[in-house]
């Protein structure tokens, strides 16, 4: 399996019109939407998504803000709340993927769990 720069080169040569992979997560100040292969940060305002979806993403990111600076022990106490935020984050990632015609996949990274999560 190819990794790193070699994978990026293979990915770029094999891509057709719809071949963009993003990682979506909550972050300080604004949601993080990053191209998985180039590392480029994308601005939600520049994406072709509805005002409704954009608003839902911003509200979710605001709700996630108190979790981001919390230490690990405290995160364990807040596990139910984190799980709830992550369930909504996974839904938003799926909606984001469906809203953009030039995107193949949107992965979700949990700031509360510090790992990529897969949809159930």
PDB file of N, CA and C in Angstrom:
ATOM      1  N   UNK A   1       0.845  -1.187   0.000  1.00  0.00           N
ATOM      2  CA  UNK A   1       0.000   0.000   0.000  1.00  0.00           C
ATOM      3  C   UNK A   1       0.887   1.247   0.000  1.00  0.00           C
ATOM      4  N   UNK A   2       0.539   2.197  -0.808  1.00  0.00           N
ATOM      5  CA  UNK A   2       1.325   3.427  -0.913  1.00  0.00           C
ATOM      6  C   UNK A   2       1.015   4.370   0.232  1.00  0.00           C
ATOM      7  N   UNK A   3       2.034   5.094   0.685  1.00  0.00           N
ATOM      8  CA  UNK A   3       1.826   6.065   1.759  1.00  0.00           C
ATOM      9  C   UNK A   3       2.488   7.387   1.404  1.00  0.00           C
ATOM     10  N   UNK A   4       2.126   8.436   2.134  1.00  0.00           N
ATOM     11  CA  UNK A   4       2.784   9.725   2.015  1.00  0.00           C
ATOM     12  C   UNK A   4       2.749  10.320   0.626  1.00  0.00           C
ATOM     13  N   UNK A   5       3.888  10.875   0.209  1.00  0.00           N
ATOM     14  CA  UNK A   5       3.995  11.567  -1.080  1.00  0.00           C
ATOM     15  C   UNK A   5       3.688  10.627  -2.242  1.00  0.00           C
ATOM     16  N   UNK A   6       4.094   9.384  -2.116  1.00  0.00           N
ATOM     17  CA  UNK A   6       3.836   8.417  -3.188  1.00  0.00           C
ATOM     18  C   UNK A   6       2.333   8.228  -3.369  1.00  0.00           C
ATOM     19  N   UNK A   7       1.599   8.111  -2.262  1.00  0.00           N
ATOM     20  CA  UNK A   7       0.145   7.968  -2.336  1.00  0.00           C
ATOM     21  C   UNK A   7      -0.481   9.216  -2.956  1.00  0.00           C
ATOM     22  N   UNK A   8      -0.029  10.400  -2.548  1.00  0.00           N
ATOM     23  CA  UNK A   8      -0.556  11.634  -3.111  1.00  0.00           C
ATOM     24  C   UNK A   8      -0.385  11.648  -4.629  1.00  0.00           C
ATOM     25  N   UNK A   9       0.782  11.232  -5.112  1.00  0.00           N
ATOM     26  CA  UNK A   9       1.046  11.215  -6.555  1.00  0.00           C
ATOM     27  C   UNK A   9       0.118  10.221  -7.251  1.00  0.00           C
ATOM     28  N   UNK A  10      -0.040   9.029  -6.679  1.00  0.00           N
ATOM     29  CA  UNK A  10      -0.943   8.035  -7.254  1.00  0.00           C
ATOM     30  C   UNK A  10      -2.370   8.558  -7.254  1.00  0.00           C
ATOM     31  N   UNK A  11      -2.768   9.167  -6.156  1.00  0.00           N
ATOM     32  CA  UNK A  11      -4.113   9.714  -6.012  1.00  0.00           C
ATOM     33  C   UNK A  11      -4.372  10.772  -7.086  1.00  0.00           C
ATOM     34  N   UNK A  12      -3.444  11.668  -7.284  1.00  0.00           N
ATOM     35  CA  UNK A  12      -3.615  12.741  -8.255  1.00  0.00           C
ATOM     36  C   UNK A  12      -3.707  12.201  -9.683  1.00  0.00           C
ATOM     37  N   UNK A  13      -2.959  11.147  -9.997  1.00  0.00           N
ATOM     38  CA  UNK A  13      -2.993  10.620 -11.353  1.00  0.00           C
ATOM     39  C   UNK A  13      -4.259   9.814 -11.610  1.00  0.00           C
ATOM     40  N   UNK A  14      -4.807   9.194 -10.613  1.00  0.00           N
ATOM     41  CA  UNK A  14      -5.992   8.360 -10.793  1.00  0.00           C
ATOM     42  C   UNK A  14      -7.295   9.144 -10.672  1.00  0.00           C
ATOM     43  N   UNK A  15      -7.247  10.334 -10.141  1.00  0.00           N
ATOM     44  CA  UNK A  15      -8.454  11.111  -9.911  1.00  0.00           C
ATOM     45  C   UNK A  15      -9.094  11.575 -11.200  1.00  0.00           C
ATOM     46  N   UNK A  16     -10.400  11.529 -11.185  1.00  0.00           N
ATOM     47  CA  UNK A  16     -11.182  12.106 -12.274  1.00  0.00           C
ATOM     48  C   UNK A  16     -11.859  13.350 -11.724  1.00  0.00           C
ATOM     49  N   UNK A  17     -12.968  13.751 -12.298  1.00  0.00           N
ATOM     50  CA  UNK A  17     -13.644  14.992 -11.893  1.00  0.00           C
ATOM     51  C   UNK A  17     -14.012  14.996 -10.414  1.00  0.00           C
ATOM     52  N   UNK A  18     -14.570  13.912  -9.912  1.00  0.00           N
ATOM     53  CA  UNK A  18     -15.011  13.871  -8.516  1.00  0.00           C
ATOM     54  C   UNK A  18     -14.033  13.025  -7.710  1.00  0.00           C
ATOM     55  N   UNK A  19     -13.012  13.655  -7.181  1.00  0.00           N
ATOM     56  CA  UNK A  19     -12.005  12.893  -6.465  1.00  0.00           C
ATOM     57  C   UNK A  19     -11.347  13.758  -5.400  1.00  0.00           C
ATOM     58  N   UNK A  20     -12.134  14.277  -4.484  1.00  0.00           N
ATOM     59  CA  UNK A  20     -11.611  15.092  -3.403  1.00  0.00           C
ATOM     60  C   UNK A  20     -12.004  14.424  -2.097  1.00  0.00           C
ATOM     61  N   UNK A  21     -11.042  14.311  -1.201  1.00  0.00           N
ATOM     62  CA  UNK A  21     -11.273  13.684   0.088  1.00  0.00           C
ATOM     63  C   UNK A  21     -10.998  14.706   1.176  1.00  0.00           C
ATOM     64  N   UNK A  22     -11.975  14.906   2.056  1.00  0.00           N
ATOM     65  CA  UNK A  22     -11.867  15.916   3.104  1.00  0.00           C
ATOM     66  C   UNK A  22     -11.953  15.288   4.480  1.00  0.00           C
ATOM     67  N   UNK A  23     -11.374  15.979   5.455  1.00  0.00           N
ATOM     68  CA  UNK A  23     -11.525  15.615   6.865  1.00  0.00           C
ATOM     69  C   UNK A  23     -12.199  16.795   7.546  1.00  0.00           C
ATOM     70  N   UNK A  24     -13.312  16.511   8.216  1.00  0.00           N
ATOM     71  CA  UNK A  24     -14.144  17.518   8.857  1.00  0.00           C
ATOM     72  C   UNK A  24     -14.068  17.344  10.372  1.00  0.00           C
ATOM     73  N   UNK A  25     -13.877  18.447  11.099  1.00  0.00           N
ATOM     74  CA  UNK A  25     -13.855  18.375  12.565  1.00  0.00           C
ATOM     75  C   UNK A  25     -14.185  19.732  13.174  1.00  0.00           C
ATOM     76  N   UNK A  26     -14.502  19.703  14.458  1.00  0.00           N
ATOM     77  CA  UNK A  26     -14.663  20.949  15.208  1.00  0.00           C
ATOM     78  C   UNK A  26     -13.265  21.505  15.456  1.00  0.00           C
ATOM     79  N   UNK A  27     -13.181  22.813  15.604  1.00  0.00           N
ATOM     80  CA  UNK A  27     -11.891  23.421  15.866  1.00  0.00           C
ATOM     81  C   UNK A  27     -12.112  24.754  16.552  1.00  0.00           C
ATOM     82  N   UNK A  28     -11.025  25.328  17.048  1.00  0.00           N
ATOM     83  CA  UNK A  28     -11.100  26.646  17.664  1.00  0.00           C
ATOM     84  C   UNK A  28     -11.609  27.645  16.629  1.00  0.00           C
ATOM     85  N   UNK A  29     -12.470  28.517  17.026  1.00  0.00           N
ATOM     86  CA  UNK A  29     -13.011  29.606  16.212  1.00  0.00           C
ATOM     87  C   UNK A  29     -13.937  29.172  15.086  1.00  0.00           C
ATOM     88  N   UNK A  30     -13.524  28.201  14.248  1.00  0.00           N
ATOM     89  CA  UNK A  30     -14.358  27.787  13.123  1.00  0.00           C
ATOM     90  C   UNK A  30     -14.141  26.304  12.846  1.00  0.00           C
ATOM     91  N   UNK A  31     -15.084  25.677  12.155  1.00  0.00           N
ATOM     92  CA  UNK A  31     -14.913  24.252  11.839  1.00  0.00           C
ATOM     93  C   UNK A  31     -13.694  24.033  10.938  1.00  0.00           C
ATOM     94  N   UNK A  32     -13.076  22.880  11.080  1.00  0.00           N
ATOM     95  CA  UNK A  32     -11.937  22.528  10.242  1.00  0.00           C
ATOM     96  C   UNK A  32     -12.424  21.631   9.112  1.00  0.00           C
ATOM     97  N   UNK A  33     -12.135  22.056   7.893  1.00  0.00           N
ATOM     98  CA  UNK A  33     -12.422  21.252   6.699  1.00  0.00           C
ATOM     99  C   UNK A  33     -11.119  21.232   5.909  1.00  0.00           C
ATOM    100  N   UNK A  34     -10.495  20.069   5.898  1.00  0.00           N
ATOM    101  CA  UNK A  34      -9.141  19.963   5.351  1.00  0.00           C
ATOM    102  C   UNK A  34      -9.093  18.933   4.240  1.00  0.00           C
ATOM    103  N   UNK A  35      -8.396  19.270   3.162  1.00  0.00           N
ATOM    104  CA  UNK A  35      -8.152  18.311   2.095  1.00  0.00           C
ATOM    105  C   UNK A  35      -7.207  17.247   2.667  1.00  0.00           C
ATOM    106  N   UNK A  36      -7.639  16.001   2.621  1.00  0.00           N
ATOM    107  CA  UNK A  36      -6.870  14.917   3.240  1.00  0.00           C
ATOM    108  C   UNK A  36      -5.494  14.727   2.615  1.00  0.00           C
ATOM    109  N   UNK A  37      -5.348  15.002   1.334  1.00  0.00           N
ATOM    110  CA  UNK A  37      -4.097  14.715   0.654  1.00  0.00           C
ATOM    111  C   UNK A  37      -3.153  15.910   0.565  1.00  0.00           C
ATOM    112  N   UNK A  38      -3.705  17.107   0.389  1.00  0.00           N
ATOM    113  CA  UNK A  38      -2.843  18.290   0.265  1.00  0.00           C
ATOM    114  C   UNK A  38      -2.653  19.002   1.594  1.00  0.00           C
ATOM    115  N   UNK A  39      -3.555  18.760   2.566  1.00  0.00           N
ATOM    116  CA  UNK A  39      -3.491  19.442   3.854  1.00  0.00           C
ATOM    117  C   UNK A  39      -4.106  20.835   3.821  1.00  0.00           C
ATOM    118  N   UNK A  40      -4.575  21.266   2.653  1.00  0.00           N
ATOM    119  CA  UNK A  40      -5.158  22.602   2.515  1.00  0.00           C
ATOM    120  C   UNK A  40      -6.411  22.736   3.378  1.00  0.00           C
ATOM    121  N   UNK A  41      -6.464  23.830   4.144  1.00  0.00           N
ATOM    122  CA  UNK A  41      -7.652  24.150   4.936  1.00  0.00           C
ATOM    123  C   UNK A  41      -8.646  24.880   4.047  1.00  0.00           C
ATOM    124  N   UNK A  42      -9.880  24.414   4.033  1.00  0.00           N
ATOM    125  CA  UNK A  42     -10.924  25.036   3.232  1.00  0.00           C
ATOM    126  C   UNK A  42     -11.832  25.845   4.147  1.00  0.00           C
ATOM    127  N   UNK A  43     -12.310  26.956   3.643  1.00  0.00           N
ATOM    128  CA  UNK A  43     -13.201  27.813   4.416  1.00  0.00           C
ATOM    129  C   UNK A  43     -14.640  27.433   4.085  1.00  0.00           C
ATOM    130  N   UNK A  44     -15.445  27.195   5.116  1.00  0.00           N
ATOM    131  CA  UNK A  44     -16.835  26.818   4.929  1.00  0.00           C
ATOM    132  C   UNK A  44     -17.562  27.810   4.018  1.00  0.00           C
ATOM    133  N   UNK A  45     -17.276  29.089   4.167  1.00  0.00           N
ATOM    134  CA  UNK A  45     -17.937  30.129   3.371  1.00  0.00           C
ATOM    135  C   UNK A  45     -17.630  29.999   1.877  1.00  0.00           C
ATOM    136  N   UNK A  46     -16.527  29.356   1.530  1.00  0.00           N
ATOM    137  CA  UNK A  46     -16.138  29.203   0.123  1.00  0.00           C
ATOM    138  C   UNK A  46     -16.692  27.931  -0.515  1.00  0.00           C
ATOM    139  N   UNK A  47     -17.307  27.080   0.290  1.00  0.00           N
ATOM    140  CA  UNK A  47     -17.822  25.820  -0.239  1.00  0.00           C
ATOM    141  C   UNK A  47     -19.239  25.998  -0.757  1.00  0.00           C
ATOM    142  N   UNK A  48     -19.607  25.175  -1.709  1.00  0.00           N
ATOM    143  CA  UNK A  48     -20.940  25.235  -2.306  1.00  0.00           C
ATOM    144  C   UNK A  48     -21.924  24.439  -1.464  1.00  0.00           C
ATOM    145  N   UNK A  49     -22.252  24.977  -0.283  1.00  0.00           N
ATOM    146  CA  UNK A  49     -23.234  24.326   0.588  1.00  0.00           C
ATOM    147  C   UNK A  49     -24.334  25.330   0.904  1.00  0.00           C
ATOM    148  N   UNK A  50     -25.491  24.813   1.256  1.00  0.00           N
ATOM    149  CA  UNK A  50     -26.632  25.681   1.549  1.00  0.00           C
ATOM    150  C   UNK A  50     -26.388  26.492   2.815  1.00  0.00           C
ATOM    151  N   UNK A  51     -27.103  27.585   2.918  1.00  0.00           N
ATOM    152  CA  UNK A  51     -27.022  28.423   4.120  1.00  0.00           C
ATOM    153  C   UNK A  51     -27.478  27.628   5.341  1.00  0.00           C
ATOM    154  N   UNK A  52     -28.446  26.766   5.149  1.00  0.00           N
ATOM    155  CA  UNK A  52     -28.959  25.944   6.248  1.00  0.00           C
ATOM    156  C   UNK A  52     -27.883  24.992   6.774  1.00  0.00           C
ATOM    157  N   UNK A  53     -27.220  24.281   5.866  1.00  0.00           N
ATOM    158  CA  UNK A  53     -26.157  23.357   6.281  1.00  0.00           C
ATOM    159  C   UNK A  53     -25.007  24.127   6.916  1.00  0.00           C
ATOM    160  N   UNK A  54     -24.642  25.220   6.333  1.00  0.00           N
ATOM    161  CA  UNK A  54     -23.564  26.048   6.878  1.00  0.00           C
ATOM    162  C   UNK A  54     -23.897  26.499   8.306  1.00  0.00           C
ATOM    163  N   UNK A  55     -25.120  26.918   8.516  1.00  0.00           N
ATOM    164  CA  UNK A  55     -25.576  27.358   9.838  1.00  0.00           C
ATOM    165  C   UNK A  55     -25.543  26.204  10.848  1.00  0.00           C
ATOM    166  N   UNK A  56     -25.984  25.016  10.424  1.00  0.00           N
ATOM    167  CA  UNK A  56     -25.957  23.838  11.309  1.00  0.00           C
ATOM    168  C   UNK A  56     -24.528  23.487  11.704  1.00  0.00           C
ATOM    169  N   UNK A  57     -23.609  23.573  10.750  1.00  0.00           N
ATOM    170  CA  UNK A  57     -22.197  23.277  11.024  1.00  0.00           C
ATOM    171  C   UNK A  57     -21.627  24.284  12.015  1.00  0.00           C
ATOM    172  N   UNK A  58     -21.918  25.553  11.822  1.00  0.00           N
ATOM    173  CA  UNK A  58     -21.413  26.591  12.730  1.00  0.00           C
ATOM    174  C   UNK A  58     -21.989  26.440  14.139  1.00  0.00           C
ATOM    175  N   UNK A  59     -23.265  26.120  14.240  1.00  0.00           N
ATOM    176  CA  UNK A  59     -23.893  25.896  15.552  1.00  0.00           C
ATOM    177  C   UNK A  59     -23.256  24.701  16.259  1.00  0.00           C
ATOM    178  N   UNK A  60     -23.029  23.620  15.517  1.00  0.00           N
ATOM    179  CA  UNK A  60     -22.393  22.427  16.085  1.00  0.00           C
ATOM    180  C   UNK A  60     -20.974  22.751  16.556  1.00  0.00           C
ATOM    181  N   UNK A  61     -20.218  23.480  15.733  1.00  0.00           N
ATOM    182  CA  UNK A  61     -18.858  23.859  16.111  1.00  0.00           C
ATOM    183  C   UNK A  61     -18.865  24.703  17.393  1.00  0.00           C
ATOM    184  N   UNK A  62     -19.821  25.635  17.499  1.00  0.00           N
ATOM    185  CA  UNK A  62     -19.950  26.447  18.720  1.00  0.00           C
ATOM    186  C   UNK A  62     -20.236  25.564  19.934  1.00  0.00           C
ATOM    187  N   UNK A  63     -21.099  24.569  19.760  1.00  0.00           N
ATOM    188  CA  UNK A  63     -21.436  23.663  20.866  1.00  0.00           C
ATOM    189  C   UNK A  63     -20.237  22.812  21.271  1.00  0.00           C
ATOM    190  N   UNK A  64     -19.331  22.536  20.335  1.00  0.00           N
ATOM    191  CA  UNK A  64     -18.152  21.702  20.609  1.00  0.00           C
ATOM    192  C   UNK A  64     -17.036  22.493  21.307  1.00  0.00           C
ATOM    193  N   UNK A  65     -17.058  23.804  21.218  1.00  0.00           N
ATOM    194  CA  UNK A  65     -15.978  24.645  21.746  1.00  0.00           C
ATOM    195  C   UNK A  65     -15.573  24.334  23.186  1.00  0.00           C
ATOM    196  N   UNK A  66     -16.512  24.159  24.118  1.00  0.00           N
ATOM    197  CA  UNK A  66     -16.096  23.882  25.504  1.00  0.00           C
ATOM    198  C   UNK A  66     -15.330  22.565  25.671  1.00  0.00           C
ATOM    199  N   UNK A  67     -15.479  21.639  24.741  1.00  0.00           N
ATOM    200  CA  UNK A  67     -14.818  20.323  24.839  1.00  0.00           C
ATOM    201  C   UNK A  67     -13.347  20.409  24.431  1.00  0.00           C
ATOM    202  N   UNK A  68     -13.029  21.235  23.458  1.00  0.00           N
ATOM    203  CA  UNK A  68     -11.687  21.247  22.852  1.00  0.00           C
ATOM    204  C   UNK A  68     -10.562  21.432  23.878  1.00  0.00           C
ATOM    205  N   UNK A  69     -10.655  22.369  24.826  1.00  0.00           N
ATOM    206  CA  UNK A  69      -9.530  22.551  25.760  1.00  0.00           C
ATOM    207  C   UNK A  69      -9.534  21.611  26.976  1.00  0.00           C
ATOM    208  N   UNK A  70     -10.550  20.768  27.088  1.00  0.00           N
ATOM    209  CA  UNK A  70     -10.718  19.920  28.273  1.00  0.00           C
ATOM    210  C   UNK A  70      -9.678  18.797  28.303  1.00  0.00           C
ATOM    211  N   UNK A  71      -9.132  18.533  29.481  1.00  0.00           N
ATOM    212  CA  UNK A  71      -8.138  17.467  29.647  1.00  0.00           C
ATOM    213  C   UNK A  71      -8.801  16.088  29.592  1.00  0.00           C
ATOM    214  N   UNK A  72      -7.990  15.079  29.367  1.00  0.00           N
ATOM    215  CA  UNK A  72      -8.474  13.716  29.140  1.00  0.00           C
ATOM    216  C   UNK A  72      -9.404  13.195  30.240  1.00  0.00           C
ATOM    217  N   UNK A  73      -9.042  13.388  31.484  1.00  0.00           N
ATOM    218  CA  UNK A  73      -9.864  12.883  32.595  1.00  0.00           C
ATOM    219  C   UNK A  73     -11.260  13.507  32.559  1.00  0.00           C
ATOM    220  N   UNK A  74     -11.309  14.786  32.300  1.00  0.00           N
ATOM    221  CA  UNK A  74     -12.592  15.487  32.210  1.00  0.00           C
ATOM    222  C   UNK A  74     -13.389  15.013  30.994  1.00  0.00           C
ATOM    223  N   UNK A  75     -12.711  14.694  29.913  1.00  0.00           N
ATOM    224  CA  UNK A  75     -13.398  14.185  28.716  1.00  0.00           C
ATOM    225  C   UNK A  75     -14.104  12.871  29.014  1.00  0.00           C
ATOM    226  N   UNK A  76     -13.506  12.052  29.851  1.00  0.00           N
ATOM    227  CA  UNK A  76     -14.143  10.788  30.219  1.00  0.00           C
ATOM    228  C   UNK A  76     -15.456  11.044  30.955  1.00  0.00           C
ATOM    229  N   UNK A  77     -15.475  12.085  31.783  1.00  0.00           N
ATOM    230  CA  UNK A  77     -16.699  12.443  32.509  1.00  0.00           C
ATOM    231  C   UNK A  77     -17.760  12.990  31.547  1.00  0.00           C
ATOM    232  N   UNK A  78     -17.322  13.599  30.460  1.00  0.00           N
ATOM    233  CA  UNK A  78     -18.220  14.212  29.476  1.00  0.00           C
ATOM    234  C   UNK A  78     -18.499  13.293  28.281  1.00  0.00           C
ATOM    235  N   UNK A  79     -18.207  12.013  28.433  1.00  0.00           N
ATOM    236  CA  UNK A  79     -18.296  11.066  27.316  1.00  0.00           C
ATOM    237  C   UNK A  79     -19.663  11.066  26.635  1.00  0.00           C
ATOM    238  N   UNK A  80     -20.736  11.110  27.383  1.00  0.00           N
ATOM    239  CA  UNK A  80     -22.075  11.092  26.792  1.00  0.00           C
ATOM    240  C   UNK A  80     -22.311  12.334  25.945  1.00  0.00           C
ATOM    241  N   UNK A  81     -21.885  13.478  26.451  1.00  0.00           N
ATOM    242  CA  UNK A  81     -22.023  14.725  25.707  1.00  0.00           C
ATOM    243  C   UNK A  81     -21.157  14.705  24.444  1.00  0.00           C
ATOM    244  N   UNK A  82     -19.942  14.215  24.569  1.00  0.00           N
ATOM    245  CA  UNK A  82     -19.045  14.100  23.410  1.00  0.00           C
ATOM    246  C   UNK A  82     -19.647  13.166  22.367  1.00  0.00           C
ATOM    247  N   UNK A  83     -20.189  12.031  22.817  1.00  0.00           N
ATOM    248  CA  UNK A  83     -20.814  11.085  21.885  1.00  0.00           C
ATOM    249  C   UNK A  83     -21.970  11.738  21.129  1.00  0.00           C
ATOM    250  N   UNK A  84     -22.740  12.558  21.816  1.00  0.00           N
ATOM    251  CA  UNK A  84     -23.859  13.260  21.191  1.00  0.00           C
ATOM    252  C   UNK A  84     -23.367  14.258  20.132  1.00  0.00           C
ATOM    253  N   UNK A  85     -22.336  15.018  20.481  1.00  0.00           N
ATOM    254  CA  UNK A  85     -21.750  15.966  19.532  1.00  0.00           C
ATOM    255  C   UNK A  85     -21.141  15.234  18.332  1.00  0.00           C
ATOM    256  N   UNK A  86     -20.502  14.100  18.594  1.00  0.00           N
ATOM    257  CA  UNK A  86     -19.896  13.327  17.511  1.00  0.00           C
ATOM    258  C   UNK A  86     -20.951  12.706  16.596  1.00  0.00           C
ATOM    259  N   UNK A  87     -22.076  12.284  17.152  1.00  0.00           N
ATOM    260  CA  UNK A  87     -23.154  11.740  16.319  1.00  0.00           C
ATOM    261  C   UNK A  87     -23.647  12.820  15.351  1.00  0.00           C
ATOM    262  N   UNK A  88     -23.802  14.031  15.869  1.00  0.00           N
ATOM    263  CA  UNK A  88     -24.213  15.138  15.010  1.00  0.00           C
ATOM    264  C   UNK A  88     -23.101  15.476  14.002  1.00  0.00           C
ATOM    265  N   UNK A  89     -21.848  15.442  14.441  1.00  0.00           N
ATOM    266  CA  UNK A  89     -20.722  15.698  13.540  1.00  0.00           C
ATOM    267  C   UNK A  89     -20.665  14.704  12.395  1.00  0.00           C
ATOM    268  N   UNK A  90     -20.921  13.434  12.679  1.00  0.00           N
ATOM    269  CA  UNK A  90     -20.945  12.405  11.630  1.00  0.00           C
ATOM    270  C   UNK A  90     -22.072  12.675  10.633  1.00  0.00           C
ATOM    271  N   UNK A  91     -23.226  13.094  11.138  1.00  0.00           N
ATOM    272  CA  UNK A  91     -24.353  13.440  10.269  1.00  0.00           C
ATOM    273  C   UNK A  91     -23.994  14.635   9.390  1.00  0.00           C
ATOM    274  N   UNK A  92     -23.371  15.643   9.993  1.00  0.00           N
ATOM    275  CA  UNK A  92     -22.974  16.829   9.228  1.00  0.00           C
ATOM    276  C   UNK A  92     -21.927  16.488   8.171  1.00  0.00           C
ATOM    277  N   UNK A  93     -20.999  15.588   8.494  1.00  0.00           N
ATOM    278  CA  UNK A  93     -19.991  15.154   7.518  1.00  0.00           C
ATOM    279  C   UNK A  93     -20.667  14.481   6.331  1.00  0.00           C
ATOM    280  N   UNK A  94     -21.640  13.642   6.603  1.00  0.00           N
ATOM    281  CA  UNK A  94     -22.384  12.968   5.529  1.00  0.00           C
ATOM    282  C   UNK A  94     -23.154  13.992   4.686  1.00  0.00           C
ATOM    283  N   UNK A  95     -23.790  14.971   5.360  1.00  0.00           N
ATOM    284  CA  UNK A  95     -24.540  16.007   4.642  1.00  0.00           C
ATOM    285  C   UNK A  95     -23.610  16.879   3.807  1.00  0.00           C
ATOM    286  N   UNK A  96     -22.442  17.171   4.350  1.00  0.00           N
ATOM    287  CA  UNK A  96     -21.443  17.969   3.638  1.00  0.00           C
ATOM    288  C   UNK A  96     -20.985  17.228   2.383  1.00  0.00           C
ATOM    289  N   UNK A  97     -20.742  15.940   2.534  1.00  0.00           N
ATOM    290  CA  UNK A  97     -20.331  15.109   1.399  1.00  0.00           C
ATOM    291  C   UNK A  97     -21.402  15.109   0.305  1.00  0.00           C
ATOM    292  N   UNK A  98     -22.652  14.992   0.711  1.00  0.00           N
ATOM    293  CA  UNK A  98     -23.745  14.961  -0.255  1.00  0.00           C
ATOM    294  C   UNK A  98     -24.002  16.304  -0.925  1.00  0.00           C
ATOM    295  N   UNK A  99     -23.615  17.382  -0.283  1.00  0.00           N
ATOM    296  CA  UNK A  99     -23.897  18.725  -0.794  1.00  0.00           C
ATOM    297  C   UNK A  99     -22.896  19.206  -1.837  1.00  0.00           C
ATOM    298  N   UNK A 100     -21.727  18.594  -1.869  1.00  0.00           N
ATOM    299  CA  UNK A 100     -20.673  19.086  -2.762  1.00  0.00           C
ATOM    300  C   UNK A 100     -20.410  18.089  -3.880  1.00  0.00           C
ATOM    301  N   UNK A 101     -20.642  18.517  -5.106  1.00  0.00           N
ATOM    302  CA  UNK A 101     -20.514  17.620  -6.251  1.00  0.00           C
ATOM    303  C   UNK A 101     -19.066  17.227  -6.554  1.00  0.00           C
ATOM    304  N   UNK A 102     -18.104  18.035  -6.081  1.00  0.00           N
ATOM    305  CA  UNK A 102     -16.696  17.739  -6.394  1.00  0.00           C
ATOM    306  C   UNK A 102     -15.986  16.978  -5.275  1.00  0.00           C
ATOM    307  N   UNK A 103     -16.754  16.418  -4.342  1.00  0.00           N
ATOM    308  CA  UNK A 103     -16.163  15.716  -3.204  1.00  0.00           C
ATOM    309  C   UNK A 103     -16.571  14.252  -3.221  1.00  0.00           C
ATOM    310  N   UNK A 104     -15.590  13.367  -3.093  1.00  0.00           N
ATOM    311  CA  UNK A 104     -15.853  11.934  -3.073  1.00  0.00           C
ATOM    312  C   UNK A 104     -16.161  11.429  -1.673  1.00  0.00           C
ATOM    313  N   UNK A 105     -15.477  11.979  -0.667  1.00  0.00           N
ATOM    314  CA  UNK A 105     -15.610  11.455   0.687  1.00  0.00           C
ATOM    315  C   UNK A 105     -15.288  12.539   1.703  1.00  0.00           C
ATOM    316  N   UNK A 106     -16.083  12.603   2.776  1.00  0.00           N
ATOM    317  CA  UNK A 106     -15.790  13.475   3.913  1.00  0.00           C
ATOM    318  C   UNK A 106     -15.672  12.580   5.141  1.00  0.00           C
ATOM    319  N   UNK A 107     -14.476  12.530   5.706  1.00  0.00           N
ATOM    320  CA  UNK A 107     -14.241  11.777   6.933  1.00  0.00           C
ATOM    321  C   UNK A 107     -14.474  12.702   8.126  1.00  0.00           C
ATOM    322  N   UNK A 108     -14.790  12.104   9.270  1.00  0.00           N
ATOM    323  CA  UNK A 108     -15.056  12.886  10.473  1.00  0.00           C
ATOM    324  C   UNK A 108     -14.000  12.598  11.545  1.00  0.00           C
ATOM    325  N   UNK A 109     -13.392  13.668  12.061  1.00  0.00           N
ATOM    326  CA  UNK A 109     -12.410  13.553  13.135  1.00  0.00           C
ATOM    327  C   UNK A 109     -13.044  14.110  14.415  1.00  0.00           C
ATOM    328  N   UNK A 110     -13.078  13.294  15.459  1.00  0.00           N
ATOM    329  CA  UNK A 110     -13.641  13.705  16.747  1.00  0.00           C
ATOM    330  C   UNK A 110     -12.589  14.424  17.577  1.00  0.00           C
ATOM    331  N   UNK A 111     -12.828  15.686  17.867  1.00  0.00           N
ATOM    332  CA  UNK A 111     -11.939  16.435  18.763  1.00  0.00           C
ATOM    333  C   UNK A 111     -12.064  15.930  20.196  1.00  0.00           C
ATOM    334  N   UNK A 112     -13.213  15.399  20.543  1.00  0.00           N
ATOM    335  CA  UNK A 112     -13.417  14.872  21.895  1.00  0.00           C
ATOM    336  C   UNK A 112     -12.706  13.560  22.135  1.00  0.00           C
ATOM    337  N   UNK A 113     -12.602  12.746  21.097  1.00  0.00           N
ATOM    338  CA  UNK A 113     -11.950  11.434  21.190  1.00  0.00           C
ATOM    339  C   UNK A 113     -10.545  11.435  20.594  1.00  0.00           C
ATOM    340  N   UNK A 114     -10.200  12.489  19.879  1.00  0.00           N
ATOM    341  CA  UNK A 114      -8.909  12.609  19.203  1.00  0.00           C
ATOM    342  C   UNK A 114      -8.628  11.457  18.246  1.00  0.00           C
ATOM    343  N   UNK A 115      -9.652  11.152  17.421  1.00  0.00           N
ATOM    344  CA  UNK A 115      -9.467  10.106  16.413  1.00  0.00           C
ATOM    345  C   UNK A 115     -10.546  10.218  15.339  1.00  0.00           C
ATOM    346  N   UNK A 116     -10.259   9.611  14.188  1.00  0.00           N
ATOM    347  CA  UNK A 116     -11.254   9.524  13.133  1.00  0.00           C
ATOM    348  C   UNK A 116     -12.341   8.568  13.575  1.00  0.00           C
ATOM    349  N   UNK A 117     -13.588   8.931  13.297  1.00  0.00           N
ATOM    350  CA  UNK A 117     -14.716   8.058  13.607  1.00  0.00           C
ATOM    351  C   UNK A 117     -15.399   7.653  12.317  1.00  0.00           C
ATOM    352  N   UNK A 118     -15.885   6.428  12.275  1.00  0.00           N
ATOM    353  CA  UNK A 118     -16.625   5.936  11.125  1.00  0.00           C
ATOM    354  C   UNK A 118     -18.110   5.986  11.443  1.00  0.00           C
ATOM    355  N   UNK A 119     -18.933   6.229  10.425  1.00  0.00           N
ATOM    356  CA  UNK A 119     -20.379   6.214  10.662  1.00  0.00           C
ATOM    357  C   UNK A 119     -20.821   4.842  11.147  1.00  0.00           C
ATOM    358  N   UNK A 120     -21.858   4.815  11.967  1.00  0.00           N
ATOM    359  CA  UNK A 120     -22.342   3.504  12.476  1.00  0.00           C
ATOM    360  C   UNK A 120     -22.911   2.642  11.380  1.00  0.00           C
TER     361      UNK A 120
END
